[in-house]
């Protein structure tokens, strides 16, 4: 994991983003202390457990089949 000082990360943000996408998470320090880790959205979703819309829909409860019986009688007389 590459480490960036905060000032360097701010001035070279585009490069830090590119390295995050190609190499993985990037550490940012402030006054010599680790303060944040920059990671890709894909890595974040995988780590935080946020499911994709497709996975959510496929995992939705199925329930029982819906059976509807229609009454064959007209509901009311219609005058035109």
N, C-alpha and C. Protein backbone atom coordinates (compact mmCIF):
# COMPACT_ATOMS: atom_id res chain seq x y z
N UNK A 1 0.85 -1.18 0.00
CA UNK A 1 0.00 0.00 0.00
C UNK A 1 0.89 1.23 0.00
N UNK A 2 0.65 2.11 -0.95
CA UNK A 2 1.42 3.36 -1.04
C UNK A 2 0.92 4.34 0.01
N UNK A 3 1.82 5.12 0.58
CA UNK A 3 1.45 6.11 1.57
C UNK A 3 1.70 7.51 1.02
N UNK A 4 0.72 8.38 1.22
CA UNK A 4 0.79 9.75 0.75
C UNK A 4 0.65 10.70 1.93
N UNK A 5 1.47 11.76 1.95
CA UNK A 5 1.23 12.83 2.91
C UNK A 5 0.02 13.61 2.41
N UNK A 6 -0.75 14.19 3.30
CA UNK A 6 -1.99 14.87 2.94
C UNK A 6 -1.76 15.93 1.85
N UNK A 7 -0.76 16.77 2.01
CA UNK A 7 -0.49 17.81 1.00
C UNK A 7 -0.21 17.19 -0.36
N UNK A 8 0.57 16.13 -0.38
CA UNK A 8 0.89 15.44 -1.63
C UNK A 8 -0.37 14.82 -2.24
N UNK A 9 -1.21 14.22 -1.40
CA UNK A 9 -2.44 13.61 -1.89
C UNK A 9 -3.37 14.66 -2.49
N UNK A 10 -3.43 15.84 -1.89
CA UNK A 10 -4.28 16.91 -2.42
C UNK A 10 -3.75 17.42 -3.75
N UNK A 11 -2.47 17.61 -3.84
CA UNK A 11 -1.92 18.19 -5.07
C UNK A 11 -1.84 17.18 -6.21
N UNK A 12 -1.81 15.90 -5.89
CA UNK A 12 -1.69 14.86 -6.92
C UNK A 12 -2.88 13.90 -6.85
N UNK A 13 -4.07 14.45 -6.59
CA UNK A 13 -5.25 13.64 -6.37
C UNK A 13 -5.56 12.70 -7.54
N UNK A 14 -5.48 13.20 -8.76
CA UNK A 14 -5.77 12.35 -9.93
C UNK A 14 -4.83 11.15 -9.99
N UNK A 15 -3.58 11.39 -9.70
CA UNK A 15 -2.61 10.28 -9.70
C UNK A 15 -2.93 9.29 -8.59
N UNK A 16 -3.32 9.80 -7.43
CA UNK A 16 -3.67 8.91 -6.32
C UNK A 16 -4.88 8.05 -6.69
N UNK A 17 -5.88 8.64 -7.36
CA UNK A 17 -7.05 7.88 -7.79
C UNK A 17 -6.63 6.79 -8.78
N UNK A 18 -5.81 7.14 -9.75
CA UNK A 18 -5.34 6.14 -10.74
C UNK A 18 -4.59 5.00 -10.06
N UNK A 19 -3.73 5.34 -9.10
CA UNK A 19 -2.99 4.29 -8.38
C UNK A 19 -3.92 3.43 -7.54
N UNK A 20 -4.97 4.05 -6.99
CA UNK A 20 -5.96 3.29 -6.22
C UNK A 20 -6.62 2.26 -7.11
N UNK A 21 -6.99 2.67 -8.32
CA UNK A 21 -7.65 1.75 -9.25
C UNK A 21 -6.73 0.67 -9.77
N UNK A 22 -5.46 1.00 -9.96
CA UNK A 22 -4.53 0.01 -10.53
C UNK A 22 -3.80 -0.83 -9.48
N UNK A 23 -3.51 -0.24 -8.31
CA UNK A 23 -2.69 -0.94 -7.31
C UNK A 23 -3.46 -1.33 -6.05
N UNK A 24 -4.57 -0.67 -5.79
CA UNK A 24 -5.32 -0.97 -4.58
C UNK A 24 -5.34 0.21 -3.63
N UNK A 25 -5.78 0.00 -2.40
CA UNK A 25 -5.95 1.08 -1.42
C UNK A 25 -4.68 1.90 -1.22
N UNK A 26 -4.88 3.19 -0.93
CA UNK A 26 -3.78 4.14 -0.70
C UNK A 26 -3.97 4.76 0.68
N UNK A 27 -2.88 4.82 1.45
CA UNK A 27 -2.91 5.40 2.80
C UNK A 27 -2.57 6.88 2.72
N UNK A 28 -3.29 7.71 3.48
CA UNK A 28 -3.00 9.14 3.56
C UNK A 28 -2.66 9.46 5.01
N UNK A 29 -1.56 10.20 5.20
CA UNK A 29 -1.13 10.57 6.56
C UNK A 29 -1.24 12.08 6.75
N UNK A 30 -1.40 12.48 8.01
CA UNK A 30 -1.39 13.89 8.38
C UNK A 30 -0.54 14.01 9.64
N UNK A 31 0.47 14.84 9.56
CA UNK A 31 1.42 15.02 10.68
C UNK A 31 2.01 13.68 11.13
N UNK A 32 2.28 12.81 10.16
CA UNK A 32 2.93 11.54 10.46
C UNK A 32 2.01 10.44 10.95
N UNK A 33 0.74 10.72 11.08
CA UNK A 33 -0.23 9.73 11.56
C UNK A 33 -1.11 9.26 10.41
N UNK A 34 -1.39 7.95 10.35
CA UNK A 34 -2.32 7.43 9.36
C UNK A 34 -3.71 7.99 9.68
N UNK A 35 -4.37 8.61 8.68
CA UNK A 35 -5.68 9.19 8.94
C UNK A 35 -6.79 8.61 8.07
N UNK A 36 -6.52 8.33 6.81
CA UNK A 36 -7.55 7.76 5.94
C UNK A 36 -6.93 6.80 4.95
N UNK A 37 -7.79 5.91 4.43
CA UNK A 37 -7.40 5.01 3.36
C UNK A 37 -8.34 5.29 2.20
N UNK A 38 -7.78 5.50 1.02
CA UNK A 38 -8.57 5.72 -0.18
C UNK A 38 -8.67 4.38 -0.89
N UNK A 39 -9.89 3.95 -1.19
CA UNK A 39 -10.06 2.70 -1.93
C UNK A 39 -11.13 2.85 -2.99
N UNK A 40 -11.11 1.95 -3.95
CA UNK A 40 -12.04 2.03 -5.06
C UNK A 40 -13.46 1.75 -4.58
N UNK A 41 -14.43 2.21 -5.37
CA UNK A 41 -15.84 1.98 -5.04
C UNK A 41 -16.14 0.49 -5.00
N UNK A 42 -15.54 -0.27 -5.93
CA UNK A 42 -15.75 -1.71 -5.96
C UNK A 42 -15.24 -2.36 -4.67
N UNK A 43 -14.05 -1.98 -4.23
CA UNK A 43 -13.51 -2.51 -2.97
C UNK A 43 -14.39 -2.12 -1.79
N UNK A 44 -14.85 -0.87 -1.79
CA UNK A 44 -15.72 -0.41 -0.71
C UNK A 44 -17.00 -1.23 -0.63
N UNK A 45 -17.66 -1.42 -1.79
CA UNK A 45 -18.91 -2.18 -1.80
C UNK A 45 -18.68 -3.61 -1.31
N UNK A 46 -17.57 -4.20 -1.75
CA UNK A 46 -17.28 -5.57 -1.35
C UNK A 46 -17.04 -5.65 0.16
N UNK A 47 -16.32 -4.67 0.71
CA UNK A 47 -16.00 -4.70 2.13
C UNK A 47 -17.18 -4.31 3.01
N UNK A 48 -18.02 -3.40 2.54
CA UNK A 48 -19.13 -2.92 3.37
C UNK A 48 -20.36 -3.81 3.26
N UNK A 49 -20.36 -4.72 2.31
CA UNK A 49 -21.48 -5.62 2.18
C UNK A 49 -22.68 -4.99 1.49
N UNK A 50 -22.50 -3.86 0.82
CA UNK A 50 -23.60 -3.24 0.10
C UNK A 50 -23.86 -4.06 -1.16
N UNK A 51 -25.01 -4.73 -1.24
CA UNK A 51 -25.26 -5.58 -2.41
C UNK A 51 -25.66 -4.76 -3.63
N UNK A 52 -25.44 -5.33 -4.79
CA UNK A 52 -25.87 -4.68 -6.02
C UNK A 52 -27.39 -4.79 -6.14
N UNK A 53 -27.97 -3.97 -6.99
CA UNK A 53 -29.42 -4.02 -7.19
C UNK A 53 -29.83 -5.40 -7.71
N UNK A 54 -29.06 -5.94 -8.64
CA UNK A 54 -29.38 -7.26 -9.19
C UNK A 54 -29.38 -8.31 -8.09
N UNK A 55 -28.36 -8.31 -7.25
CA UNK A 55 -28.28 -9.29 -6.16
C UNK A 55 -29.45 -9.13 -5.19
N UNK A 56 -29.84 -7.88 -4.92
CA UNK A 56 -30.97 -7.62 -4.03
C UNK A 56 -32.26 -8.17 -4.62
N UNK A 57 -32.49 -7.89 -5.91
CA UNK A 57 -33.71 -8.36 -6.55
C UNK A 57 -33.76 -9.89 -6.64
N UNK A 58 -32.62 -10.49 -6.97
CA UNK A 58 -32.58 -11.96 -7.05
C UNK A 58 -32.76 -12.61 -5.69
N UNK A 59 -32.40 -11.90 -4.63
CA UNK A 59 -32.52 -12.45 -3.29
C UNK A 59 -33.83 -12.11 -2.60
N UNK A 60 -34.72 -11.42 -3.30
CA UNK A 60 -36.00 -11.02 -2.70
C UNK A 60 -36.84 -12.26 -2.40
N UNK A 61 -37.64 -12.21 -1.33
CA UNK A 61 -38.48 -13.37 -1.01
C UNK A 61 -39.46 -13.65 -2.15
N UNK A 62 -39.67 -14.91 -2.42
CA UNK A 62 -40.54 -15.31 -3.52
C UNK A 62 -42.00 -15.38 -3.11
N UNK A 63 -42.29 -15.78 -1.92
CA UNK A 63 -43.67 -15.89 -1.47
C UNK A 63 -44.38 -17.03 -2.18
N UNK A 64 -45.68 -17.06 -2.01
CA UNK A 64 -46.49 -18.10 -2.65
C UNK A 64 -47.06 -17.55 -3.95
N UNK A 65 -47.33 -18.44 -4.91
CA UNK A 65 -47.90 -17.96 -6.17
C UNK A 65 -49.24 -17.27 -5.94
N UNK A 66 -49.48 -16.24 -6.68
CA UNK A 66 -50.71 -15.48 -6.57
C UNK A 66 -51.76 -16.09 -7.50
N UNK A 67 -52.85 -16.53 -6.91
CA UNK A 67 -53.93 -17.10 -7.71
C UNK A 67 -55.14 -16.18 -7.61
N UNK A 68 -55.59 -15.70 -8.74
CA UNK A 68 -56.72 -14.78 -8.77
C UNK A 68 -57.86 -15.43 -9.54
N UNK A 69 -59.04 -15.45 -8.92
CA UNK A 69 -60.22 -15.96 -9.60
C UNK A 69 -61.10 -14.76 -9.93
N UNK A 70 -61.45 -14.65 -11.18
CA UNK A 70 -62.31 -13.55 -11.59
C UNK A 70 -63.76 -14.02 -11.66
N UNK A 71 -64.63 -13.15 -11.24
CA UNK A 71 -66.05 -13.43 -11.33
C UNK A 71 -66.46 -13.14 -12.77
N UNK A 72 -67.17 -14.06 -13.37
CA UNK A 72 -67.56 -13.92 -14.77
C UNK A 72 -68.79 -13.04 -14.97
N UNK A 73 -69.49 -12.71 -13.92
CA UNK A 73 -70.67 -11.86 -14.02
C UNK A 73 -70.25 -10.40 -14.23
N UNK A 74 -71.05 -9.66 -15.00
CA UNK A 74 -70.72 -8.23 -15.13
C UNK A 74 -70.92 -7.54 -13.79
N UNK A 75 -70.13 -6.58 -13.54
CA UNK A 75 -70.19 -5.87 -12.25
C UNK A 75 -71.40 -4.94 -12.21
N UNK A 76 -71.70 -4.28 -13.32
CA UNK A 76 -72.85 -3.38 -13.37
C UNK A 76 -73.30 -3.25 -14.83
N UNK A 77 -74.50 -2.80 -14.97
CA UNK A 77 -75.00 -2.55 -16.30
C UNK A 77 -74.37 -1.26 -16.82
N UNK A 78 -74.04 -1.28 -18.09
CA UNK A 78 -73.44 -0.12 -18.69
C UNK A 78 -74.36 0.42 -19.77
N UNK A 79 -74.77 1.67 -19.59
CA UNK A 79 -75.65 2.30 -20.56
C UNK A 79 -74.84 3.30 -21.36
N UNK A 80 -74.90 3.15 -22.67
CA UNK A 80 -74.16 4.08 -23.53
C UNK A 80 -75.09 5.02 -24.25
